[in-house]
Amino acid sequence: MKKLILSLAIAFLSITSYGQLVWHNNYQVAQALAIEKDQLILLDFWATWCGPCKTMDRQLWAKPEVIELSKNFVAFKVDVDRTRDLAMQYNATSIPKVVLVTATGETVWEETGFGSSTPYIRMMESIPENLLGLNKVLFAEKDKETTESYLRIAQAYQKVGFTLKSDMATDFLYLSGDYFKKVTKESDDEQVILMA
């Protein structure tokens, strides 16, 4: 019972609402939700002193259509002054910057700056409701670095890419191709190479 109450308290404290969109501010909680829901994480790199970030909050994140689209991803707001390691990891040297990642942190899409909400909304409209088990495969295979694990990851990315009828299909298929290349470089098995 104490663990349940503690978990609920942590989850409640890790959520901040800007406008009406629910933003998480604890990466571990966002990651756990992304795994559970099998969704992507949308990272919004910002700072309190950033004028374009404030404009983006008003002109993009507060839009009703964006709030509706947010059901397909886990939103995580990253204050670059407080979370420098994550900002460095995703090269957020200019803000605002939005990066769409898997639960293991692999970049699927990114955009820096804010001039118009159009590219962001187009991207959010392309996000699938779920990743067809991709996050579970990524976590199961992430540290193995074998041709078999690369092949499973490539196939999982490919599966998502083939089901999408949007610009984002290319992003998933590109990531799939990266893993297929690893298979062909590291395998001596001609059958595996041929399959890749």
C-alpha atoms as a PDB file:
ATOM      1  CA  MET A   1       0.000   0.000   0.000  1.00  0.00           C
ATOM      2  CA  LYS A   2       2.850   2.385   0.859  1.00  0.00           C
ATOM      3  CA  LYS A   3       4.506   1.652  -2.514  1.00  0.00           C
ATOM      4  CA  LEU A   4       1.274   2.435  -4.362  1.00  0.00           C
ATOM      5  CA  ILE A   5       0.827   5.737  -2.529  1.00  0.00           C
ATOM      6  CA  LEU A   6       4.488   6.641  -3.131  1.00  0.00           C
ATOM      7  CA  SER A   7       4.197   5.750  -6.841  1.00  0.00           C
ATOM      8  CA  LEU A   8       1.060   7.872  -7.218  1.00  0.00           C
ATOM      9  CA  ALA A   9       2.699  10.775  -5.410  1.00  0.00           C
ATOM     10  CA  ILE A  10       5.788  10.608  -7.652  1.00  0.00           C
ATOM     11  CA  ALA A  11       3.634  10.408 -10.780  1.00  0.00           C
ATOM     12  CA  PHE A  12       1.532  13.371  -9.594  1.00  0.00           C
ATOM     13  CA  LEU A  13       4.604  15.464  -8.780  1.00  0.00           C
ATOM     14  CA  SER A  14       6.243  14.626 -12.089  1.00  0.00           C
ATOM     15  CA  ILE A  15       3.428  16.193 -14.137  1.00  0.00           C
ATOM     16  CA  THR A  16       3.170  19.875 -14.925  1.00  0.00           C
ATOM     17  CA  SER A  17       0.340  21.395 -16.884  1.00  0.00           C
ATOM     18  CA  TYR A  18       1.157  24.244 -19.283  1.00  0.00           C
ATOM     19  CA  GLY A  19      -2.107  25.330 -20.865  1.00  0.00           C
ATOM     20  CA  GLN A  20      -4.030  22.109 -21.006  1.00  0.00           C
ATOM     21  CA  LEU A  21      -1.368  19.773 -22.343  1.00  0.00           C
ATOM     22  CA  VAL A  22      -0.009  17.399 -19.705  1.00  0.00           C
ATOM     23  CA  TRP A  23       3.786  17.643 -19.524  1.00  0.00           C
ATOM     24  CA  HIS A  24       5.948  15.307 -17.500  1.00  0.00           C
ATOM     25  CA  ASN A  25       9.072  16.684 -15.893  1.00  0.00           C
ATOM     26  CA  ASN A  26      10.572  13.414 -14.638  1.00  0.00           C
ATOM     27  CA  TYR A  27      12.292  11.474 -17.426  1.00  0.00           C
ATOM     28  CA  GLN A  28      12.039   8.104 -15.683  1.00  0.00           C
ATOM     29  CA  VAL A  29       8.271   8.489 -15.325  1.00  0.00           C
ATOM     30  CA  ALA A  30       7.944   9.595 -18.973  1.00  0.00           C
ATOM     31  CA  GLN A  31      10.061   6.637 -20.057  1.00  0.00           C
ATOM     32  CA  ALA A  32       7.998   4.181 -17.998  1.00  0.00           C
ATOM     33  CA  LEU A  33       4.773   5.573 -19.482  1.00  0.00           C
ATOM     34  CA  ALA A  34       6.210   5.338 -23.007  1.00  0.00           C
ATOM     35  CA  ILE A  35       7.063   1.684 -22.422  1.00  0.00           C
ATOM     36  CA  GLU A  36       3.679   0.927 -20.867  1.00  0.00           C
ATOM     37  CA  LYS A  37       1.714   2.699 -23.627  1.00  0.00           C
ATOM     38  CA  ASP A  38       4.243   1.680 -26.338  1.00  0.00           C
ATOM     39  CA  GLN A  39       4.513   5.289 -27.496  1.00  0.00           C
ATOM     40  CA  LEU A  40       7.139   7.836 -28.437  1.00  0.00           C
ATOM     41  CA  ILE A  41       8.360  10.551 -26.071  1.00  0.00           C
ATOM     42  CA  LEU A  42       8.143  14.143 -27.270  1.00  0.00           C
ATOM     43  CA  LEU A  43      10.962  16.185 -25.707  1.00  0.00           C
ATOM     44  CA  ASP A  44      10.399  19.959 -25.681  1.00  0.00           C
ATOM     45  CA  PHE A  45      13.685  21.716 -24.831  1.00  0.00           C
ATOM     46  CA  TRP A  46      13.012  25.178 -23.436  1.00  0.00           C
ATOM     47  CA  ALA A  47      14.094  27.730 -20.796  1.00  0.00           C
ATOM     48  CA  THR A  48      12.313  30.372 -18.733  1.00  0.00           C
ATOM     49  CA  TRP A  49      14.297  33.151 -20.460  1.00  0.00           C
ATOM     50  CA  CYS A  50      13.505  31.895 -24.011  1.00  0.00           C
ATOM     51  CA  GLY A  51      11.046  34.204 -25.821  1.00  0.00           C
ATOM     52  CA  PRO A  52      10.397  31.853 -28.768  1.00  0.00           C
ATOM     53  CA  CYS A  53       9.701  29.051 -26.256  1.00  0.00           C
ATOM     54  CA  LYS A  54       6.968  31.163 -24.673  1.00  0.00           C
ATOM     55  CA  THR A  55       5.548  31.916 -28.110  1.00  0.00           C
ATOM     56  CA  MET A  56       5.587  28.202 -28.884  1.00  0.00           C
ATOM     57  CA  ASP A  57       3.717  27.469 -25.648  1.00  0.00           C
ATOM     58  CA  ARG A  58       0.963  29.923 -26.634  1.00  0.00           C
ATOM     59  CA  GLN A  59       0.771  29.282 -30.377  1.00  0.00           C
ATOM     60  CA  LEU A  60       1.348  25.522 -30.470  1.00  0.00           C
ATOM     61  CA  TRP A  61       1.093  23.623 -27.208  1.00  0.00           C
ATOM     62  CA  ALA A  62      -2.131  25.373 -26.116  1.00  0.00           C
ATOM     63  CA  LYS A  63      -3.996  24.571 -29.354  1.00  0.00           C
ATOM     64  CA  PRO A  64      -6.960  22.206 -28.834  1.00  0.00           C
ATOM     65  CA  GLU A  65      -5.909  20.063 -31.816  1.00  0.00           C
ATOM     66  CA  VAL A  66      -2.418  19.613 -30.314  1.00  0.00           C
ATOM     67  CA  ILE A  67      -3.889  18.699 -26.946  1.00  0.00           C
ATOM     68  CA  GLU A  68      -6.001  16.064 -28.731  1.00  0.00           C
ATOM     69  CA  LEU A  69      -2.981  14.749 -30.676  1.00  0.00           C
ATOM     70  CA  SER A  70      -0.972  14.444 -27.442  1.00  0.00           C
ATOM     71  CA  LYS A  71      -2.786  11.190 -26.616  1.00  0.00           C
ATOM     72  CA  ASN A  72      -0.405   9.491 -29.086  1.00  0.00           C
ATOM     73  CA  PHE A  73       2.817  10.417 -27.278  1.00  0.00           C
ATOM     74  CA  VAL A  74       4.278  11.089 -23.844  1.00  0.00           C
ATOM     75  CA  ALA A  75       5.112  14.793 -23.474  1.00  0.00           C
ATOM     76  CA  PHE A  76       8.258  15.709 -21.549  1.00  0.00           C
ATOM     77  CA  LYS A  77       9.307  19.325 -20.983  1.00  0.00           C
ATOM     78  CA  VAL A  78      13.081  19.737 -20.607  1.00  0.00           C
ATOM     79  CA  ASP A  79      14.371  22.914 -18.950  1.00  0.00           C
ATOM     80  CA  VAL A  80      17.854  23.177 -20.501  1.00  0.00           C
ATOM     81  CA  ASP A  81      19.165  25.071 -17.466  1.00  0.00           C
ATOM     82  CA  ARG A  82      18.103  22.338 -15.038  1.00  0.00           C
ATOM     83  CA  THR A  83      18.609  19.238 -17.165  1.00  0.00           C
ATOM     84  CA  ARG A  84      21.878  20.008 -18.945  1.00  0.00           C
ATOM     85  CA  ASP A  85      22.866  16.371 -19.444  1.00  0.00           C
ATOM     86  CA  LEU A  86      19.721  15.629 -21.462  1.00  0.00           C
ATOM     87  CA  ALA A  87      20.105  18.888 -23.397  1.00  0.00           C
ATOM     88  CA  MET A  88      23.688  17.927 -24.278  1.00  0.00           C
ATOM     89  CA  GLN A  89      22.663  14.380 -25.204  1.00  0.00           C
ATOM     90  CA  TYR A  90      20.223  15.741 -27.803  1.00  0.00           C
ATOM     91  CA  ASN A  91      22.423  18.676 -28.850  1.00  0.00           C
ATOM     92  CA  ALA A  92      19.864  21.256 -27.712  1.00  0.00           C
ATOM     93  CA  THR A  93      22.205  24.217 -28.119  1.00  0.00           C
ATOM     94  CA  SER A  94      19.446  26.308 -29.717  1.00  0.00           C
ATOM     95  CA  ILE A  95      15.941  26.389 -28.313  1.00  0.00           C
ATOM     96  CA  PRO A  96      13.123  25.772 -28.642  1.00  0.00           C
ATOM     97  CA  LYS A  97      13.956  22.313 -29.889  1.00  0.00           C
ATOM     98  CA  VAL A  98      11.527  19.414 -30.155  1.00  0.00           C
ATOM     99  CA  VAL A  99      12.824  15.856 -30.406  1.00  0.00           C
ATOM    100  CA  LEU A 100      10.696  12.750 -30.810  1.00  0.00           C
ATOM    101  CA  VAL A 101      12.385   9.666 -29.316  1.00  0.00           C
ATOM    102  CA  THR A 102      11.707   6.042 -28.536  1.00  0.00           C
ATOM    103  CA  ALA A 103      11.572   4.928 -24.898  1.00  0.00           C
ATOM    104  CA  THR A 104      15.276   4.022 -25.166  1.00  0.00           C
ATOM    105  CA  GLY A 105      16.066   7.545 -26.371  1.00  0.00           C
ATOM    106  CA  GLU A 106      16.686   6.928 -30.069  1.00  0.00           C
ATOM    107  CA  THR A 107      15.796  10.009 -32.127  1.00  0.00           C
ATOM    108  CA  VAL A 108      13.007   9.557 -34.655  1.00  0.00           C
ATOM    109  CA  TRP A 109      12.394  13.241 -35.561  1.00  0.00           C
ATOM    110  CA  GLU A 110      13.645  16.675 -34.500  1.00  0.00           C
ATOM    111  CA  GLU A 111      13.067  20.346 -35.239  1.00  0.00           C
ATOM    112  CA  THR A 112      14.783  23.453 -33.875  1.00  0.00           C
ATOM    113  CA  GLY A 113      13.230  26.905 -33.642  1.00  0.00           C
ATOM    114  CA  PHE A 114       9.676  28.084 -33.923  1.00  0.00           C
ATOM    115  CA  GLY A 115       8.374  30.101 -36.830  1.00  0.00           C
ATOM    116  CA  SER A 116       5.148  28.265 -37.465  1.00  0.00           C
ATOM    117  CA  SER A 117       3.137  25.506 -35.833  1.00  0.00           C
ATOM    118  CA  THR A 118       2.668  23.738 -39.203  1.00  0.00           C
ATOM    119  CA  PRO A 119       5.707  21.379 -39.182  1.00  0.00           C
ATOM    120  CA  TYR A 120       5.032  20.423 -35.575  1.00  0.00           C
ATOM    121  CA  ILE A 121       1.357  19.696 -36.133  1.00  0.00           C
ATOM    122  CA  ARG A 122       2.166  17.723 -39.298  1.00  0.00           C
ATOM    123  CA  MET A 123       4.640  15.658 -37.268  1.00  0.00           C
ATOM    124  CA  MET A 124       2.156  15.065 -34.433  1.00  0.00           C
ATOM    125  CA  GLU A 125      -0.523  13.987 -36.920  1.00  0.00           C
ATOM    126  CA  SER A 126       1.967  11.371 -38.178  1.00  0.00           C
ATOM    127  CA  ILE A 127       2.664   9.805 -34.780  1.00  0.00           C
ATOM    128  CA  PRO A 128       1.098   6.351 -34.494  1.00  0.00           C
ATOM    129  CA  GLU A 129      -1.140   5.527 -31.508  1.00  0.00           C
ATOM    130  CA  ASN A 130       1.297   2.786 -30.517  1.00  0.00           C
ATOM    131  CA  LEU A 131       4.552   1.359 -31.798  1.00  0.00           C
ATOM    132  CA  LEU A 132       3.444  -2.265 -32.283  1.00  0.00           C
ATOM    133  CA  GLY A 133       5.794  -3.504 -29.553  1.00  0.00           C
ATOM    134  CA  LEU A 134       8.858  -1.522 -30.705  1.00  0.00           C
ATOM    135  CA  ASN A 135       9.727  -0.153 -27.246  1.00  0.00           C
ATOM    136  CA  LYS A 136       9.678  -3.635 -25.695  1.00  0.00           C
ATOM    137  CA  VAL A 137      11.965  -4.970 -28.423  1.00  0.00           C
ATOM    138  CA  LEU A 138      14.334  -2.026 -27.963  1.00  0.00           C
ATOM    139  CA  PHE A 139      14.563  -2.585 -24.213  1.00  0.00           C
ATOM    140  CA  ALA A 140      14.948  -6.346 -24.583  1.00  0.00           C
ATOM    141  CA  GLU A 141      17.746  -5.985 -27.145  1.00  0.00           C
ATOM    142  CA  LYS A 142      19.391  -2.655 -26.268  1.00  0.00           C
ATOM    143  CA  ASP A 143      22.655  -3.868 -24.705  1.00  0.00           C
ATOM    144  CA  LYS A 144      23.121  -7.143 -26.575  1.00  0.00           C
ATOM    145  CA  GLU A 145      24.898  -5.812 -29.692  1.00  0.00           C
ATOM    146  CA  THR A 146      24.555  -9.073 -31.625  1.00  0.00           C
ATOM    147  CA  THR A 147      23.488  -9.559 -35.210  1.00  0.00           C
ATOM    148  CA  GLU A 148      20.335 -11.289 -33.955  1.00  0.00           C
ATOM    149  CA  SER A 149      19.418  -8.338 -31.731  1.00  0.00           C
ATOM    150  CA  TYR A 150      20.145  -5.842 -34.536  1.00  0.00           C
ATOM    151  CA  LEU A 151      17.935  -7.902 -36.830  1.00  0.00           C
ATOM    152  CA  ARG A 152      15.052  -7.925 -34.314  1.00  0.00           C
ATOM    153  CA  ILE A 153      15.361  -4.153 -33.808  1.00  0.00           C
ATOM    154  CA  ALA A 154      15.509  -3.532 -37.583  1.00  0.00           C
ATOM    155  CA  GLN A 155      12.397  -5.645 -38.115  1.00  0.00           C
ATOM    156  CA  ALA A 156      10.533  -3.852 -35.300  1.00  0.00           C
ATOM    157  CA  TYR A 157      11.302  -0.425 -36.812  1.00  0.00           C
ATOM    158  CA  GLN A 158      10.373  -1.741 -40.248  1.00  0.00           C
ATOM    159  CA  LYS A 159       7.041  -3.099 -38.964  1.00  0.00           C
ATOM    160  CA  VAL A 160       6.075   0.352 -37.659  1.00  0.00           C
ATOM    161  CA  GLY A 161       7.315   2.090 -40.810  1.00  0.00           C
ATOM    162  CA  PHE A 162       5.311  -0.183 -43.108  1.00  0.00           C
ATOM    163  CA  THR A 163       2.081   0.435 -41.174  1.00  0.00           C
ATOM    164  CA  LEU A 164       2.302   4.239 -41.405  1.00  0.00           C
ATOM    165  CA  LYS A 165       0.900   6.235 -44.270  1.00  0.00           C
ATOM    166  CA  SER A 166       2.675   9.465 -43.393  1.00  0.00           C
ATOM    167  CA  ASP A 167       6.002  11.266 -43.600  1.00  0.00           C
ATOM    168  CA  MET A 168       7.048   9.556 -40.387  1.00  0.00           C
ATOM    169  CA  ALA A 169       7.092   6.152 -42.124  1.00  0.00           C
ATOM    170  CA  THR A 170      10.363   7.229 -43.756  1.00  0.00           C
ATOM    171  CA  ASP A 171      11.885   8.060 -40.354  1.00  0.00           C
ATOM    172  CA  PHE A 172      11.114   4.580 -39.010  1.00  0.00           C
ATOM    173  CA  LEU A 173      12.303   2.872 -42.184  1.00  0.00           C
ATOM    174  CA  TYR A 174      15.532   4.893 -42.108  1.00  0.00           C
ATOM    175  CA  LEU A 175      16.199   3.687 -38.539  1.00  0.00           C
ATOM    176  CA  SER A 176      15.388   0.152 -39.659  1.00  0.00           C
ATOM    177  CA  GLY A 177      17.936   0.506 -42.440  1.00  0.00           C
ATOM    178  CA  ASP A 178      20.606   1.581 -39.948  1.00  0.00           C
ATOM    179  CA  TYR A 179      20.140  -1.646 -38.019  1.00  0.00           C
ATOM    180  CA  PHE A 180      20.040  -3.769 -41.169  1.00  0.00           C
ATOM    181  CA  LYS A 181      23.415  -2.206 -42.115  1.00  0.00           C
ATOM    182  CA  LYS A 182      24.810  -3.280 -38.744  1.00  0.00           C
ATOM    183  CA  VAL A 183      23.609  -6.812 -39.441  1.00  0.00           C
ATOM    184  CA  THR A 184      25.349  -6.944 -42.812  1.00  0.00           C
ATOM    185  CA  LYS A 185      28.596  -5.531 -41.374  1.00  0.00           C
ATOM    186  CA  GLU A 186      28.798  -7.870 -38.404  1.00  0.00           C
ATOM    187  CA  SER A 187      27.382 -11.149 -39.631  1.00  0.00           C
ATOM    188  CA  ASP A 188      29.272 -13.953 -41.367  1.00  0.00           C
ATOM    189  CA  ASP A 189      26.049 -15.889 -41.978  1.00  0.00           C
ATOM    190  CA  GLU A 190      25.030 -15.433 -45.609  1.00  0.00           C
ATOM    191  CA  GLN A 191      21.386 -16.290 -44.834  1.00  0.00           C
ATOM    192  CA  VAL A 192      21.201 -13.530 -42.197  1.00  0.00           C
ATOM    193  CA  ILE A 193      22.916 -11.049 -44.544  1.00  0.00           C
ATOM    194  CA  LEU A 194      20.528 -11.980 -47.338  1.00  0.00           C
ATOM    195  CA  MET A 195      17.548 -11.522 -45.012  1.00  0.00           C
ATOM    196  CA  ALA A 196      18.875  -8.114 -43.940  1.00  0.00           C
END
